[in-house]
Amino acid sequence: MAPQKPRQRDAAQTRARILAAAIREFTARGFAGARLDAVAQRGKVTKGLIFHYFRTKESLYVAALERMYERLRQRQNQIALAGLGPEEGIRQLAIETFRSFREEPQIVAMMNEENLQKGRHVRRSAMVPSLYNPLIADISRLIGEGARGGVFRADVDPVGFYVALSGATYFYCSNRHTLGAVFGRDLFSAAQIEEYEKLVADMVIAYLKA
């Protein structure tokens, strides 16, 4: 059994290296423009190894999408919503979601690309929906606790709430260049980021209290 462990470890490392290279390639060129030869070159592997681990370009793309969603959810999970009260929990979720999109541009790029693809690849993933079940459960709990304590309204759909929160944070990052050009502002300056973090957190709390 002992000789198998290094091989297993090497296989996991090789797969991770291919996936990291694929994310860079898909981020740079989109699904249609990405080339497996370029992924192989970026990952310092043979093209045959890519087919061995992922079978097709589309399967590789789905795995790359799953890794991006997983990374976003890992960031959100780090704030330990279970230990926070309703208002502070929602406030920290809003701030961390914004920070995740801002600090992980590959997430934004991959989501932009998949929306151009009309979500056809993410629909193939059983993993992605399951990643969001705990988050929606946490949001439901926080809203429920807030409602029982007389802090929040009770008629809030947790899924609709998260969609709105994602829109407010994702759009700022995905459209930073065009918005910055239109309004003559660097939206990623420290002052603008600090101001928007507070704005988006205050905005979602105000909605829940309305």
N, C-alpha and C. Protein backbone atom coordinates (compact mmCIF):
# COMPACT_ATOMS: atom_id res chain seq x y z
N MET A 1 0.82 -1.21 0.00
CA MET A 1 0.00 0.00 0.00
C MET A 1 0.85 1.26 0.00
N ALA A 2 2.00 1.22 0.72
CA ALA A 2 2.83 2.41 0.85
C ALA A 2 3.26 3.01 -0.49
N PRO A 3 3.66 2.18 -1.49
CA PRO A 3 4.08 2.77 -2.76
C PRO A 3 2.97 3.51 -3.49
N GLN A 4 1.68 3.22 -3.16
CA GLN A 4 0.58 3.86 -3.88
C GLN A 4 0.39 5.31 -3.45
N LYS A 5 0.78 5.65 -2.21
CA LYS A 5 0.52 6.98 -1.69
C LYS A 5 1.23 8.08 -2.47
N PRO A 6 2.52 7.92 -2.78
CA PRO A 6 3.15 8.95 -3.60
C PRO A 6 2.50 9.11 -4.96
N ARG A 7 2.07 7.97 -5.56
CA ARG A 7 1.43 8.06 -6.86
C ARG A 7 0.09 8.81 -6.75
N GLN A 8 -0.66 8.50 -5.70
CA GLN A 8 -1.93 9.19 -5.50
C GLN A 8 -1.71 10.68 -5.28
N ARG A 9 -0.67 10.99 -4.48
CA ARG A 9 -0.38 12.39 -4.22
C ARG A 9 0.05 13.09 -5.50
N ASP A 10 0.89 12.44 -6.27
CA ASP A 10 1.33 13.01 -7.54
C ASP A 10 0.16 13.22 -8.49
N ALA A 11 -0.78 12.27 -8.51
CA ALA A 11 -1.94 12.39 -9.38
C ALA A 11 -2.79 13.59 -8.97
N ALA A 12 -2.98 13.77 -7.67
CA ALA A 12 -3.77 14.91 -7.19
C ALA A 12 -3.08 16.22 -7.53
N GLN A 13 -1.77 16.26 -7.37
CA GLN A 13 -1.02 17.47 -7.69
C GLN A 13 -1.06 17.77 -9.18
N THR A 14 -0.96 16.75 -10.00
CA THR A 14 -1.02 16.94 -11.45
C THR A 14 -2.38 17.45 -11.87
N ARG A 15 -3.42 16.86 -11.31
CA ARG A 15 -4.78 17.30 -11.63
C ARG A 15 -4.98 18.76 -11.21
N ALA A 16 -4.50 19.11 -10.03
CA ALA A 16 -4.63 20.49 -9.55
C ALA A 16 -3.86 21.45 -10.44
N ARG A 17 -2.69 21.04 -10.90
CA ARG A 17 -1.89 21.89 -11.78
C ARG A 17 -2.59 22.11 -13.12
N ILE A 18 -3.18 21.06 -13.66
CA ILE A 18 -3.93 21.19 -14.91
C ILE A 18 -5.11 22.14 -14.71
N LEU A 19 -5.81 21.97 -13.60
CA LEU A 19 -6.98 22.80 -13.33
C LEU A 19 -6.60 24.27 -13.18
N ALA A 20 -5.51 24.53 -12.49
CA ALA A 20 -5.05 25.92 -12.33
C ALA A 20 -4.67 26.53 -13.67
N ALA A 21 -4.02 25.75 -14.52
CA ALA A 21 -3.65 26.22 -15.85
C ALA A 21 -4.89 26.47 -16.70
N ALA A 22 -5.87 25.59 -16.57
CA ALA A 22 -7.11 25.74 -17.34
C ALA A 22 -7.86 26.99 -16.92
N ILE A 23 -7.90 27.27 -15.64
CA ILE A 23 -8.58 28.48 -15.16
C ILE A 23 -7.93 29.72 -15.75
N ARG A 24 -6.62 29.74 -15.79
CA ARG A 24 -5.92 30.90 -16.39
C ARG A 24 -6.24 31.02 -17.87
N GLU A 25 -6.29 29.89 -18.57
CA GLU A 25 -6.57 29.90 -20.01
C GLU A 25 -8.02 30.30 -20.29
N PHE A 26 -8.97 29.73 -19.56
CA PHE A 26 -10.38 30.07 -19.76
C PHE A 26 -10.65 31.52 -19.37
N THR A 27 -9.99 31.99 -18.32
CA THR A 27 -10.15 33.38 -17.90
C THR A 27 -9.65 34.34 -18.98
N ALA A 28 -8.54 33.98 -19.59
CA ALA A 28 -7.93 34.85 -20.59
C ALA A 28 -8.65 34.80 -21.94
N ARG A 29 -9.16 33.63 -22.34
CA ARG A 29 -9.64 33.45 -23.71
C ARG A 29 -11.09 32.99 -23.82
N GLY A 30 -11.74 32.71 -22.70
CA GLY A 30 -13.11 32.21 -22.76
C GLY A 30 -13.14 30.75 -23.17
N PHE A 31 -14.34 30.17 -23.17
CA PHE A 31 -14.45 28.75 -23.50
C PHE A 31 -14.08 28.48 -24.95
N ALA A 32 -14.63 29.26 -25.86
CA ALA A 32 -14.40 29.02 -27.29
C ALA A 32 -12.95 29.25 -27.68
N GLY A 33 -12.34 30.28 -27.11
CA GLY A 33 -10.98 30.65 -27.51
C GLY A 33 -9.89 29.84 -26.83
N ALA A 34 -10.21 29.20 -25.73
CA ALA A 34 -9.20 28.45 -24.98
C ALA A 34 -8.74 27.24 -25.77
N ARG A 35 -7.46 26.91 -25.66
CA ARG A 35 -6.88 25.78 -26.37
C ARG A 35 -6.22 24.83 -25.37
N LEU A 36 -6.48 23.54 -25.54
CA LEU A 36 -5.89 22.56 -24.63
C LEU A 36 -4.38 22.51 -24.76
N ASP A 37 -3.86 22.81 -25.94
CA ASP A 37 -2.41 22.88 -26.11
C ASP A 37 -1.83 23.95 -25.19
N ALA A 38 -2.54 25.08 -25.07
CA ALA A 38 -2.09 26.16 -24.21
C ALA A 38 -2.19 25.77 -22.74
N VAL A 39 -3.26 25.04 -22.39
CA VAL A 39 -3.40 24.54 -21.01
C VAL A 39 -2.24 23.62 -20.67
N ALA A 40 -1.91 22.73 -21.60
CA ALA A 40 -0.79 21.80 -21.39
C ALA A 40 0.51 22.57 -21.19
N GLN A 41 0.72 23.60 -22.00
CA GLN A 41 1.93 24.39 -21.88
C GLN A 41 1.97 25.16 -20.56
N ARG A 42 0.84 25.76 -20.19
CA ARG A 42 0.78 26.50 -18.93
C ARG A 42 1.01 25.57 -17.73
N GLY A 43 0.43 24.36 -17.80
CA GLY A 43 0.52 23.43 -16.68
C GLY A 43 1.73 22.53 -16.71
N LYS A 44 2.53 22.66 -17.78
CA LYS A 44 3.74 21.84 -17.94
C LYS A 44 3.40 20.35 -17.87
N VAL A 45 2.36 19.98 -18.62
CA VAL A 45 1.94 18.58 -18.72
C VAL A 45 1.72 18.27 -20.20
N THR A 46 1.52 17.00 -20.49
CA THR A 46 1.19 16.63 -21.86
C THR A 46 -0.31 16.79 -22.08
N LYS A 47 -0.68 16.96 -23.32
CA LYS A 47 -2.10 17.05 -23.65
C LYS A 47 -2.82 15.75 -23.31
N GLY A 48 -2.10 14.63 -23.46
CA GLY A 48 -2.69 13.34 -23.12
C GLY A 48 -3.10 13.25 -21.66
N LEU A 49 -2.33 13.87 -20.78
CA LEU A 49 -2.68 13.87 -19.36
C LEU A 49 -3.98 14.64 -19.10
N ILE A 50 -4.18 15.70 -19.85
CA ILE A 50 -5.43 16.47 -19.71
C ILE A 50 -6.62 15.57 -20.05
N PHE A 51 -6.52 14.85 -21.14
CA PHE A 51 -7.60 13.94 -21.52
C PHE A 51 -7.75 12.80 -20.51
N HIS A 52 -6.65 12.38 -19.93
CA HIS A 52 -6.70 11.30 -18.95
C HIS A 52 -7.52 11.72 -17.72
N TYR A 53 -7.30 12.93 -17.24
CA TYR A 53 -7.95 13.39 -16.02
C TYR A 53 -9.33 14.01 -16.27
N PHE A 54 -9.52 14.64 -17.43
CA PHE A 54 -10.76 15.41 -17.64
C PHE A 54 -11.56 14.99 -18.88
N ARG A 55 -11.01 14.12 -19.70
CA ARG A 55 -11.70 13.51 -20.85
C ARG A 55 -11.96 14.48 -22.01
N THR A 56 -12.61 15.63 -21.73
CA THR A 56 -12.95 16.56 -22.80
C THR A 56 -12.68 18.00 -22.34
N LYS A 57 -12.62 18.88 -23.30
CA LYS A 57 -12.47 20.31 -22.99
C LYS A 57 -13.64 20.80 -22.16
N GLU A 58 -14.86 20.34 -22.49
CA GLU A 58 -16.04 20.79 -21.76
C GLU A 58 -16.02 20.31 -20.32
N SER A 59 -15.58 19.08 -20.09
CA SER A 59 -15.47 18.57 -18.72
C SER A 59 -14.44 19.34 -17.92
N LEU A 60 -13.36 19.73 -18.58
CA LEU A 60 -12.34 20.55 -17.94
C LEU A 60 -12.91 21.91 -17.56
N TYR A 61 -13.70 22.48 -18.45
CA TYR A 61 -14.31 23.78 -18.18
C TYR A 61 -15.29 23.69 -17.01
N VAL A 62 -16.08 22.64 -16.96
CA VAL A 62 -17.01 22.44 -15.83
C VAL A 62 -16.23 22.34 -14.52
N ALA A 63 -15.13 21.60 -14.54
CA ALA A 63 -14.31 21.47 -13.33
C ALA A 63 -13.71 22.82 -12.92
N ALA A 64 -13.34 23.63 -13.91
CA ALA A 64 -12.81 24.96 -13.61
C ALA A 64 -13.88 25.85 -12.99
N LEU A 65 -15.10 25.78 -13.52
CA LEU A 65 -16.22 26.53 -12.95
C LEU A 65 -16.48 26.10 -11.51
N GLU A 66 -16.49 24.80 -11.30
CA GLU A 66 -16.72 24.28 -9.95
C GLU A 66 -15.67 24.81 -8.98
N ARG A 67 -14.42 24.87 -9.43
CA ARG A 67 -13.36 25.38 -8.56
C ARG A 67 -13.58 26.85 -8.23
N MET A 68 -14.08 27.63 -9.18
CA MET A 68 -14.34 29.05 -8.93
C MET A 68 -15.47 29.24 -7.92
N TYR A 69 -16.55 28.49 -8.10
CA TYR A 69 -17.66 28.59 -7.15
C TYR A 69 -17.24 28.10 -5.77
N GLU A 70 -16.42 27.06 -5.76
CA GLU A 70 -15.93 26.54 -4.49
C GLU A 70 -15.08 27.59 -3.78
N ARG A 71 -14.26 28.29 -4.53
CA ARG A 71 -13.40 29.32 -3.95
C ARG A 71 -14.25 30.45 -3.35
N LEU A 72 -15.29 30.86 -4.07
CA LEU A 72 -16.17 31.90 -3.55
C LEU A 72 -16.84 31.46 -2.26
N ARG A 73 -17.35 30.23 -2.24
CA ARG A 73 -18.03 29.76 -1.05
C ARG A 73 -17.08 29.57 0.13
N GLN A 74 -15.84 29.18 -0.15
CA GLN A 74 -14.85 29.07 0.91
C GLN A 74 -14.60 30.42 1.56
N ARG A 75 -14.54 31.45 0.73
CA ARG A 75 -14.35 32.80 1.26
C ARG A 75 -15.53 33.19 2.15
N GLN A 76 -16.73 32.92 1.70
CA GLN A 76 -17.92 33.28 2.48
C GLN A 76 -18.01 32.46 3.76
N ASN A 77 -17.59 31.21 3.70
CA ASN A 77 -17.66 30.36 4.89
C ASN A 77 -16.68 30.79 5.97
N GLN A 78 -15.62 31.48 5.58
CA GLN A 78 -14.60 31.88 6.54
C GLN A 78 -15.11 32.88 7.58
N ILE A 79 -16.24 33.51 7.31
CA ILE A 79 -16.73 34.51 8.26
C ILE A 79 -17.53 33.88 9.39
N ALA A 80 -17.71 32.55 9.37
CA ALA A 80 -18.36 31.82 10.45
C ALA A 80 -19.69 32.43 10.85
N LEU A 81 -20.64 32.40 9.90
CA LEU A 81 -21.95 33.00 10.15
C LEU A 81 -22.65 32.38 11.35
N ALA A 82 -22.34 31.12 11.64
CA ALA A 82 -23.02 30.44 12.74
C ALA A 82 -22.78 31.11 14.08
N GLY A 83 -21.68 31.85 14.20
CA GLY A 83 -21.36 32.47 15.48
C GLY A 83 -21.78 33.92 15.58
N LEU A 84 -22.49 34.43 14.59
CA LEU A 84 -22.85 35.85 14.56
C LEU A 84 -24.36 36.04 14.73
N GLY A 85 -24.74 37.18 15.30
CA GLY A 85 -26.14 37.54 15.39
C GLY A 85 -26.69 37.94 14.04
N PRO A 86 -28.01 38.14 13.94
CA PRO A 86 -28.65 38.41 12.64
C PRO A 86 -28.07 39.60 11.89
N GLU A 87 -28.01 40.75 12.53
CA GLU A 87 -27.56 41.95 11.82
C GLU A 87 -26.08 41.88 11.47
N GLU A 88 -25.26 41.47 12.42
CA GLU A 88 -23.82 41.38 12.16
C GLU A 88 -23.52 40.29 11.14
N GLY A 89 -24.25 39.18 11.19
CA GLY A 89 -24.02 38.10 10.24
C GLY A 89 -24.31 38.54 8.81
N ILE A 90 -25.44 39.21 8.60
CA ILE A 90 -25.78 39.69 7.26
C ILE A 90 -24.79 40.75 6.80
N ARG A 91 -24.41 41.63 7.70
CA ARG A 91 -23.46 42.69 7.35
C ARG A 91 -22.12 42.10 6.91
N GLN A 92 -21.63 41.12 7.65
CA GLN A 92 -20.36 40.51 7.30
C GLN A 92 -20.46 39.68 6.02
N LEU A 93 -21.61 39.05 5.78
CA LEU A 93 -21.80 38.32 4.53
C LEU A 93 -21.73 39.27 3.34
N ALA A 94 -22.37 40.43 3.46
CA ALA A 94 -22.35 41.41 2.37
C ALA A 94 -20.93 41.88 2.09
N ILE A 95 -20.20 42.19 3.14
CA ILE A 95 -18.83 42.70 2.99
C ILE A 95 -17.92 41.63 2.39
N GLU A 96 -18.01 40.40 2.89
CA GLU A 96 -17.12 39.35 2.41
C GLU A 96 -17.45 38.93 0.98
N THR A 97 -18.73 38.97 0.61
CA THR A 97 -19.10 38.66 -0.77
C THR A 97 -18.49 39.69 -1.71
N PHE A 98 -18.57 40.96 -1.34
CA PHE A 98 -17.95 42.02 -2.14
C PHE A 98 -16.44 41.83 -2.22
N ARG A 99 -15.82 41.53 -1.11
CA ARG A 99 -14.37 41.33 -1.10
C ARG A 99 -13.96 40.14 -1.95
N SER A 100 -14.78 39.08 -1.93
CA SER A 100 -14.46 37.89 -2.72
C SER A 100 -14.43 38.22 -4.21
N PHE A 101 -15.44 38.92 -4.68
CA PHE A 101 -15.46 39.29 -6.10
C PHE A 101 -14.32 40.25 -6.43
N ARG A 102 -14.02 41.14 -5.51
CA ARG A 102 -12.98 42.14 -5.76
C ARG A 102 -11.58 41.53 -5.75
N GLU A 103 -11.33 40.63 -4.84
CA GLU A 103 -9.99 40.08 -4.65
C GLU A 103 -9.74 38.81 -5.46
N GLU A 104 -10.79 38.27 -6.08
CA GLU A 104 -10.65 37.06 -6.89
C GLU A 104 -11.19 37.34 -8.30
N PRO A 105 -10.45 38.10 -9.10
CA PRO A 105 -10.96 38.48 -10.42
C PRO A 105 -11.24 37.30 -11.34
N GLN A 106 -10.59 36.16 -11.10
CA GLN A 106 -10.86 34.98 -11.92
C GLN A 106 -12.31 34.51 -11.74
N ILE A 107 -12.85 34.67 -10.53
CA ILE A 107 -14.24 34.29 -10.29
C ILE A 107 -15.16 35.12 -11.17
N VAL A 108 -14.93 36.42 -11.18
CA VAL A 108 -15.75 37.33 -11.99
C VAL A 108 -15.62 36.98 -13.47
N ALA A 109 -14.40 36.76 -13.93
CA ALA A 109 -14.17 36.46 -15.34
C ALA A 109 -14.86 35.16 -15.76
N MET A 110 -14.77 34.13 -14.92
CA MET A 110 -15.39 32.85 -15.26
C MET A 110 -16.91 32.96 -15.25
N MET A 111 -17.44 33.70 -14.29
CA MET A 111 -18.90 33.88 -14.25
C MET A 111 -19.38 34.69 -15.44
N ASN A 112 -18.63 35.71 -15.82
CA ASN A 112 -18.97 36.47 -17.03
C ASN A 112 -19.04 35.55 -18.24
N GLU A 113 -18.03 34.72 -18.38
CA GLU A 113 -17.97 33.81 -19.53
C GLU A 113 -19.13 32.81 -19.50
N GLU A 114 -19.43 32.26 -18.34
CA GLU A 114 -20.49 31.26 -18.27
C GLU A 114 -21.86 31.88 -18.53
N ASN A 115 -22.04 33.14 -18.18
CA ASN A 115 -23.30 33.80 -18.52
C ASN A 115 -23.41 34.01 -20.03
N LEU A 116 -22.28 34.28 -20.68
CA LEU A 116 -22.29 34.34 -22.15
C LEU A 116 -22.68 32.98 -22.73
N GLN A 117 -22.30 31.92 -22.04
CA GLN A 117 -22.65 30.55 -22.46
C GLN A 117 -24.06 30.15 -22.01
N LYS A 118 -24.78 31.11 -21.41
CA LYS A 118 -26.16 30.90 -20.93
C LYS A 118 -26.26 29.81 -19.85
N GLY A 119 -25.17 29.64 -19.10
CA GLY A 119 -25.19 28.72 -17.98
C GLY A 119 -25.21 27.25 -18.36
N ARG A 120 -24.91 26.93 -19.61
CA ARG A 120 -25.09 25.54 -20.05
C ARG A 120 -24.08 24.58 -19.42
N HIS A 121 -22.91 25.09 -19.02
CA HIS A 121 -21.93 24.20 -18.42
C HIS A 121 -22.17 24.02 -16.92
N VAL A 122 -22.55 25.10 -16.24
CA VAL A 122 -22.77 24.99 -14.80
C VAL A 122 -23.97 24.09 -14.51
N ARG A 123 -24.89 23.98 -15.46
CA ARG A 123 -26.03 23.07 -15.28
C ARG A 123 -25.58 21.60 -15.24
N ARG A 124 -24.42 21.32 -15.78
CA ARG A 124 -23.90 19.95 -15.75
C ARG A 124 -23.33 19.58 -14.40
N SER A 125 -23.15 20.56 -13.53
CA SER A 125 -22.49 20.32 -12.25
C SER A 125 -23.50 20.03 -11.15
N ALA A 126 -23.30 18.90 -10.48
CA ALA A 126 -24.09 18.61 -9.28
C ALA A 126 -23.48 19.30 -8.06
N MET A 127 -22.20 19.64 -8.15
CA MET A 127 -21.50 20.22 -7.02
C MET A 127 -21.95 21.64 -6.71
N VAL A 128 -22.08 22.47 -7.75
CA VAL A 128 -22.32 23.89 -7.52
C VAL A 128 -23.60 24.15 -6.74
N PRO A 129 -24.76 23.58 -7.11
CA PRO A 129 -25.95 23.82 -6.30
C PRO A 129 -25.77 23.39 -4.84
N SER A 130 -25.06 22.27 -4.63
CA SER A 130 -24.88 21.78 -3.26
C SER A 130 -24.01 22.73 -2.44
N LEU A 131 -23.13 23.48 -3.09
CA LEU A 131 -22.30 24.44 -2.38
C LEU A 131 -23.13 25.54 -1.73
N TYR A 132 -24.28 25.85 -2.35
CA TYR A 132 -25.09 26.97 -1.88
C TYR A 132 -26.15 26.57 -0.85
N ASN A 133 -26.39 25.29 -0.68
CA ASN A 133 -27.39 24.86 0.30
C ASN A 133 -27.06 25.35 1.71
N PRO A 134 -25.81 25.19 2.20
CA PRO A 134 -25.50 25.69 3.54
C PRO A 134 -25.61 27.21 3.65
N LEU A 135 -25.24 27.93 2.58
CA LEU A 135 -25.32 29.39 2.62
C LEU A 135 -26.77 29.85 2.74
N ILE A 136 -27.64 29.29 1.92
CA ILE A 136 -29.06 29.67 1.98
C ILE A 136 -29.65 29.30 3.33
N ALA A 137 -29.20 28.18 3.89
CA ALA A 137 -29.67 27.78 5.22
C ALA A 137 -29.22 28.80 6.27
N ASP A 138 -27.98 29.29 6.16
CA ASP A 138 -27.48 30.30 7.10
C ASP A 138 -28.25 31.61 6.96
N ILE A 139 -28.50 32.02 5.72
CA ILE A 139 -29.26 33.26 5.50
C ILE A 139 -30.67 33.12 6.07
N SER A 140 -31.28 31.97 5.82
CA SER A 140 -32.63 31.72 6.35
C SER A 140 -32.63 31.81 7.88
N ARG A 141 -31.62 31.21 8.49
CA ARG A 141 -31.53 31.23 9.95
C ARG A 141 -31.37 32.65 10.47
N LEU A 142 -30.46 33.42 9.85
CA LEU A 142 -30.22 34.79 10.31
C LEU A 142 -31.47 35.65 10.15
N ILE A 143 -32.13 35.52 9.01
CA ILE A 143 -33.36 36.30 8.79
C ILE A 143 -34.44 35.87 9.78
N GLY A 144 -34.55 34.55 10.01
CA GLY A 144 -35.54 34.05 10.96
C GLY A 144 -35.28 34.53 12.37
N GLU A 145 -34.02 34.49 12.80
CA GLU A 145 -33.67 34.97 14.13
C GLU A 145 -33.96 36.47 14.25
N GLY A 146 -33.63 37.21 13.18
CA GLY A 146 -33.89 38.64 13.19
C GLY A 146 -35.37 38.95 13.25
N ALA A 147 -36.16 38.16 12.54
CA ALA A 147 -37.61 38.38 12.54
C ALA A 147 -38.21 38.06 13.91
N ARG A 148 -37.76 36.97 14.52
CA ARG A 148 -38.27 36.59 15.84
C ARG A 148 -37.87 37.62 16.90
N GLY A 149 -36.73 38.26 16.69
CA GLY A 149 -36.28 39.27 17.63
C GLY A 149 -36.82 40.66 17.33
N GLY A 150 -37.65 40.78 16.31
CA GLY A 150 -38.23 42.07 15.96
C GLY A 150 -37.27 43.00 15.26
N VAL A 151 -36.15 42.45 14.75
CA VAL A 151 -35.14 43.28 14.07
C VAL A 151 -35.37 43.31 12.57
N PHE A 152 -35.71 42.17 11.98
CA PHE A 152 -35.90 42.04 10.54
C PHE A 152 -37.37 41.76 10.22
N ARG A 153 -37.72 42.07 9.00
CA ARG A 153 -39.03 41.65 8.49
C ARG A 153 -39.02 40.14 8.25
N ALA A 154 -40.18 39.53 8.21
CA ALA A 154 -40.25 38.08 8.10
C ALA A 154 -40.53 37.60 6.68
N ASP A 155 -40.90 38.50 5.76
CA ASP A 155 -41.34 38.10 4.42
C ASP A 155 -40.22 38.18 3.39
N VAL A 156 -39.05 37.66 3.74
CA VAL A 156 -37.88 37.75 2.86
C VAL A 156 -37.55 36.37 2.30
N ASP A 157 -37.45 36.28 0.99
CA ASP A 157 -37.02 35.05 0.32
C ASP A 157 -35.49 34.99 0.38
N PRO A 158 -34.89 34.02 1.05
CA PRO A 158 -33.43 33.97 1.18
C PRO A 158 -32.70 33.89 -0.16
N VAL A 159 -33.28 33.15 -1.11
CA VAL A 159 -32.63 33.04 -2.42
C VAL A 159 -32.68 34.39 -3.15
N GLY A 160 -33.85 35.02 -3.18
CA GLY A 160 -33.95 36.33 -3.81
C GLY A 160 -33.05 37.35 -3.16
N PHE A 161 -32.95 37.27 -1.83
CA PHE A 161 -32.06 38.19 -1.10
C PHE A 161 -30.61 38.00 -1.53
N TYR A 162 -30.17 36.73 -1.64
CA TYR A 162 -28.78 36.50 -2.03
C TYR A 162 -28.52 36.90 -3.48
N VAL A 163 -29.49 36.70 -4.34
CA VAL A 163 -29.35 37.14 -5.74
C VAL A 163 -29.14 38.66 -5.78
N ALA A 164 -29.93 39.40 -5.00
CA ALA A 164 -29.80 40.85 -4.96
C ALA A 164 -28.45 41.27 -4.39
N LEU A 165 -28.02 40.60 -3.33
CA LEU A 165 -26.72 40.90 -2.72
C LEU A 165 -25.59 40.61 -3.70
N SER A 166 -25.68 39.49 -4.40
CA SER A 166 -24.65 39.15 -5.39
C SER A 166 -24.60 40.19 -6.50
N GLY A 167 -25.79 40.63 -6.95
CA GLY A 167 -25.83 41.63 -8.00
C GLY A 167 -25.16 42.92 -7.58
N ALA A 168 -25.42 43.35 -6.35
CA ALA A 168 -24.86 44.61 -5.87
C ALA A 168 -23.35 44.56 -5.73
N THR A 169 -22.81 43.38 -5.45
CA THR A 169 -21.37 43.25 -5.24
C THR A 169 -20.64 42.82 -6.51
N TYR A 170 -21.22 41.90 -7.25
CA TYR A 170 -20.61 41.39 -8.49
C TYR A 170 -20.55 42.47 -9.56
N PHE A 171 -21.64 43.20 -9.74
CA PHE A 171 -21.72 44.21 -10.79
C PHE A 171 -20.66 45.29 -10.60
N TYR A 172 -20.44 45.69 -9.38
CA TYR A 172 -19.43 46.71 -9.08
C TYR A 172 -18.06 46.27 -9.62
N CYS A 173 -17.76 44.98 -9.45
CA CYS A 173 -16.44 44.47 -9.86
C CYS A 173 -16.39 44.14 -11.35
N SER A 174 -17.45 43.55 -11.87
CA SER A 174 -17.44 43.15 -13.27
C SER A 174 -17.48 44.35 -14.21
N ASN A 175 -18.05 45.47 -13.77
CA ASN A 175 -18.20 46.67 -14.60
C ASN A 175 -17.35 47.84 -14.11
N ARG A 176 -16.34 47.55 -13.33
CA ARG A 176 -15.53 48.62 -12.74
C ARG A 176 -14.89 49.50 -13.79
N HIS A 177 -14.47 48.92 -14.92
CA HIS A 177 -13.75 49.70 -15.93
C HIS A 177 -14.70 50.66 -16.66
N THR A 178 -15.86 50.16 -17.07
CA THR A 178 -16.79 51.04 -17.78
C THR A 178 -17.38 52.09 -16.84
N LEU A 179 -17.75 51.67 -15.63
CA LEU A 179 -18.29 52.63 -14.67
C LEU A 179 -17.24 53.67 -14.29
N GLY A 180 -16.01 53.22 -14.14
CA GLY A 180 -14.93 54.15 -13.81
C GLY A 180 -14.71 55.17 -14.90
N ALA A 181 -14.80 54.72 -16.16
CA ALA A 181 -14.62 55.65 -17.29
C ALA A 181 -15.77 56.63 -17.37
N VAL A 182 -16.99 56.16 -17.14
CA VAL A 182 -18.17 57.03 -17.23
C VAL A 182 -18.16 58.10 -16.15
N PHE A 183 -17.81 57.69 -14.93
CA PHE A 183 -17.91 58.61 -13.80
C PHE A 183 -16.57 59.24 -13.41
N GLY A 184 -15.51 58.86 -14.13
CA GLY A 184 -14.21 59.47 -13.84
C GLY A 184 -13.68 59.13 -12.47
N ARG A 185 -13.91 57.89 -12.03
CA ARG A 185 -13.45 57.46 -10.71
C ARG A 185 -12.71 56.13 -10.81
N ASP A 186 -11.75 55.95 -9.93
CA ASP A 186 -11.11 54.66 -9.78
C ASP A 186 -11.89 53.89 -8.73
N LEU A 187 -12.76 52.99 -9.17
CA LEU A 187 -13.63 52.29 -8.25
C LEU A 187 -12.89 51.33 -7.34
N PHE A 188 -11.65 51.03 -7.67
CA PHE A 188 -10.86 50.15 -6.83
C PHE A 188 -9.86 50.92 -5.96
N SER A 189 -10.03 52.20 -5.86
CA SER A 189 -9.20 52.96 -4.93
C SER A 189 -9.63 52.60 -3.51
N ALA A 190 -8.73 52.75 -2.56
CA ALA A 190 -9.02 52.37 -1.18
C ALA A 190 -10.24 53.13 -0.65
N ALA A 191 -10.33 54.42 -0.96
CA ALA A 191 -11.43 55.24 -0.45
C ALA A 191 -12.77 54.79 -1.03
N GLN A 192 -12.80 54.50 -2.35
CA GLN A 192 -14.05 54.07 -2.99
C GLN A 192 -14.49 52.70 -2.48
N ILE A 193 -13.53 51.81 -2.28
CA ILE A 193 -13.85 50.47 -1.79
C ILE A 193 -14.42 50.54 -0.38
N GLU A 194 -13.77 51.31 0.48
CA GLU A 194 -14.24 51.45 1.87
C GLU A 194 -15.66 52.02 1.90
N GLU A 195 -15.90 53.02 1.07
CA GLU A 195 -17.22 53.64 1.03
C GLU A 195 -18.28 52.66 0.53
N TYR A 196 -17.93 51.87 -0.50
CA TYR A 196 -18.93 50.97 -1.07
C TYR A 196 -19.19 49.78 -0.15
N GLU A 197 -18.19 49.30 0.54
CA GLU A 197 -18.42 48.22 1.50
C GLU A 197 -19.47 48.63 2.52
N LYS A 198 -19.34 49.84 3.03
CA LYS A 198 -20.30 50.34 4.01
C LYS A 198 -21.67 50.53 3.37
N LEU A 199 -21.68 51.07 2.14
CA LEU A 199 -22.95 51.32 1.46
C LEU A 199 -23.72 50.03 1.24
N VAL A 200 -23.05 49.01 0.70
CA VAL A 200 -23.78 47.78 0.37
C VAL A 200 -24.25 47.07 1.63
N ALA A 201 -23.44 47.09 2.69
CA ALA A 201 -23.86 46.48 3.95
C ALA A 201 -25.04 47.23 4.55
N ASP A 202 -24.97 48.57 4.56
CA ASP A 202 -26.08 49.37 5.09
C ASP A 202 -27.35 49.15 4.26
N MET A 203 -27.18 49.03 2.96
CA MET A 203 -28.32 48.90 2.06
C MET A 203 -29.10 47.61 2.31
N VAL A 204 -28.37 46.47 2.46
CA VAL A 204 -29.08 45.21 2.67
C VAL A 204 -29.72 45.17 4.06
N ILE A 205 -29.05 45.75 5.05
CA ILE A 205 -29.64 45.80 6.39
C ILE A 205 -30.89 46.66 6.39
N ALA A 206 -30.83 47.79 5.69
CA ALA A 206 -32.00 48.68 5.61
C ALA A 206 -33.17 47.96 4.95
N TYR A 207 -32.91 47.16 3.93
CA TYR A 207 -33.98 46.41 3.28
C TYR A 207 -34.61 45.41 4.25
N LEU A 208 -33.77 44.70 4.99
CA LEU A 208 -34.28 43.69 5.92
C LEU A 208 -35.07 44.32 7.06
N LYS A 209 -34.75 45.56 7.38
CA LYS A 209 -35.47 46.23 8.47
C LYS A 209 -36.71 46.97 7.99
N ALA A 210 -36.89 47.11 6.70
CA ALA A 210 -37.99 47.91 6.17
C ALA A 210 -39.33 47.35 6.60
